[in-house]
Amino acid sequence: MLGYGPRIVQVYRDIFARQAADILRGTKPGEIPVEQPTRFKVVVNLKAAKTLGLKVPESFLQRADKVIE
């Protein structure tokens, strides 16, 4: 009914690309700092919520990145 996680496109495009570039420039993998995603995505499945008999507040739906009806 609810999904919350990092934006996968950002993880692959930004973080992995930057780390791969560092390795290709000769940086040792142990010297590359660990990076965490900074942007996350919220997806709400209203069909699943209705099946479970739950009501999702309108204010939450407005803040969701994607709403599945």
C-alpha atoms as a PDB file:
ATOM      1  CA  MET A   1       0.000   0.000   0.000  1.00  0.00           C
ATOM      2  CA  LEU A   2       2.900   2.372   0.692  1.00  0.00           C
ATOM      3  CA  GLY A   3       6.400   2.465  -0.706  1.00  0.00           C
ATOM      4  CA  TYR A   4       9.226   4.672   0.524  1.00  0.00           C
ATOM      5  CA  GLY A   5      12.749   4.453  -0.789  1.00  0.00           C
ATOM      6  CA  PRO A   6      15.566   6.152  -2.642  1.00  0.00           C
ATOM      7  CA  ARG A   7      15.083   7.293  -6.182  1.00  0.00           C
ATOM      8  CA  ILE A   8      16.859   4.483  -8.010  1.00  0.00           C
ATOM      9  CA  VAL A   9      17.699   6.678 -10.993  1.00  0.00           C
ATOM     10  CA  GLN A  10      19.551   9.075  -8.695  1.00  0.00           C
ATOM     11  CA  VAL A  11      21.460   6.234  -7.065  1.00  0.00           C
ATOM     12  CA  TYR A  12      22.684   4.807 -10.363  1.00  0.00           C
ATOM     13  CA  ARG A  13      23.205   8.058 -12.231  1.00  0.00           C
ATOM     14  CA  ASP A  14      24.759  10.179  -9.527  1.00  0.00           C
ATOM     15  CA  ILE A  15      26.363   8.008  -6.878  1.00  0.00           C
ATOM     16  CA  PHE A  16      27.529   4.994  -8.903  1.00  0.00           C
ATOM     17  CA  ALA A  17      28.667   7.127 -11.826  1.00  0.00           C
ATOM     18  CA  ARG A  18      30.721   9.340  -9.530  1.00  0.00           C
ATOM     19  CA  GLN A  19      32.284   6.311  -7.832  1.00  0.00           C
ATOM     20  CA  ALA A  20      33.057   4.635 -11.169  1.00  0.00           C
ATOM     21  CA  ALA A  21      34.694   7.841 -12.417  1.00  0.00           C
ATOM     22  CA  ASP A  22      36.832   8.008  -9.281  1.00  0.00           C
ATOM     23  CA  ILE A  23      37.995   4.417  -9.762  1.00  0.00           C
ATOM     24  CA  LEU A  24      38.800   5.060 -13.438  1.00  0.00           C
ATOM     25  CA  ARG A  25      40.861   8.085 -12.376  1.00  0.00           C
ATOM     26  CA  GLY A  26      42.950   5.798 -10.178  1.00  0.00           C
ATOM     27  CA  THR A  27      41.427   6.295  -6.739  1.00  0.00           C
ATOM     28  CA  LYS A  28      41.611   3.153  -4.635  1.00  0.00           C
ATOM     29  CA  PRO A  29      38.142   1.773  -3.821  1.00  0.00           C
ATOM     30  CA  GLY A  30      38.908   1.884  -0.098  1.00  0.00           C
ATOM     31  CA  GLU A  31      39.544   5.634  -0.299  1.00  0.00           C
ATOM     32  CA  ILE A  32      36.175   6.497  -1.885  1.00  0.00           C
ATOM     33  CA  PRO A  33      33.731   7.811   0.723  1.00  0.00           C
ATOM     34  CA  VAL A  34      30.437   6.017   1.242  1.00  0.00           C
ATOM     35  CA  GLU A  35      27.543   8.042  -0.143  1.00  0.00           C
ATOM     36  CA  GLN A  36      23.881   7.732   0.707  1.00  0.00           C
ATOM     37  CA  PRO A  37      20.918   8.832  -1.375  1.00  0.00           C
ATOM     38  CA  THR A  38      19.565  12.265  -0.561  1.00  0.00           C
ATOM     39  CA  ARG A  39      16.243  12.119  -2.402  1.00  0.00           C
ATOM     40  CA  PHE A  40      13.507   9.625  -1.656  1.00  0.00           C
ATOM     41  CA  LYS A  41      10.240   8.703  -3.334  1.00  0.00           C
ATOM     42  CA  VAL A  42       6.844   7.979  -1.744  1.00  0.00           C
ATOM     43  CA  VAL A  43       4.333   5.840  -3.653  1.00  0.00           C
ATOM     44  CA  VAL A  44       0.795   5.203  -2.379  1.00  0.00           C
ATOM     45  CA  ASN A  45      -1.406   2.399  -3.732  1.00  0.00           C
ATOM     46  CA  LEU A  46      -4.990   3.495  -3.070  1.00  0.00           C
ATOM     47  CA  LYS A  47      -6.439   0.265  -4.456  1.00  0.00           C
ATOM     48  CA  ALA A  48      -4.575  -1.758  -1.827  1.00  0.00           C
ATOM     49  CA  ALA A  49      -5.554   0.698   0.905  1.00  0.00           C
ATOM     50  CA  LYS A  50      -9.235   0.424  -0.042  1.00  0.00           C
ATOM     51  CA  THR A  51      -9.005  -3.377  -0.081  1.00  0.00           C
ATOM     52  CA  LEU A  52      -7.641  -3.281   3.465  1.00  0.00           C
ATOM     53  CA  GLY A  53     -10.326  -0.808   4.516  1.00  0.00           C
ATOM     54  CA  LEU A  54      -7.865   2.007   5.198  1.00  0.00           C
ATOM     55  CA  LYS A  55      -8.326   5.678   4.405  1.00  0.00           C
ATOM     56  CA  VAL A  56      -5.262   7.646   3.394  1.00  0.00           C
ATOM     57  CA  PRO A  57      -5.425  11.343   4.379  1.00  0.00           C
ATOM     58  CA  GLU A  58      -5.673  13.781   1.475  1.00  0.00           C
ATOM     59  CA  SER A  59      -2.746  15.804   2.839  1.00  0.00           C
ATOM     60  CA  PHE A  60      -0.532  12.697   2.597  1.00  0.00           C
ATOM     61  CA  LEU A  61      -1.670  11.986  -0.967  1.00  0.00           C
ATOM     62  CA  GLN A  62      -0.754  15.522  -2.006  1.00  0.00           C
ATOM     63  CA  ARG A  63       2.811  15.028  -0.773  1.00  0.00           C
ATOM     64  CA  ALA A  64       3.239  11.601  -2.412  1.00  0.00           C
ATOM     65  CA  ASP A  65       5.373  11.428  -5.543  1.00  0.00           C
ATOM     66  CA  LYS A  66       3.068   8.871  -7.161  1.00  0.00           C
ATOM     67  CA  VAL A  67      -0.464   7.710  -6.374  1.00  0.00           C
ATOM     68  CA  ILE A  68      -1.714   4.445  -7.865  1.00  0.00           C
ATOM     69  CA  GLU A  69      -5.494   4.373  -8.115  1.00  0.00           C
END
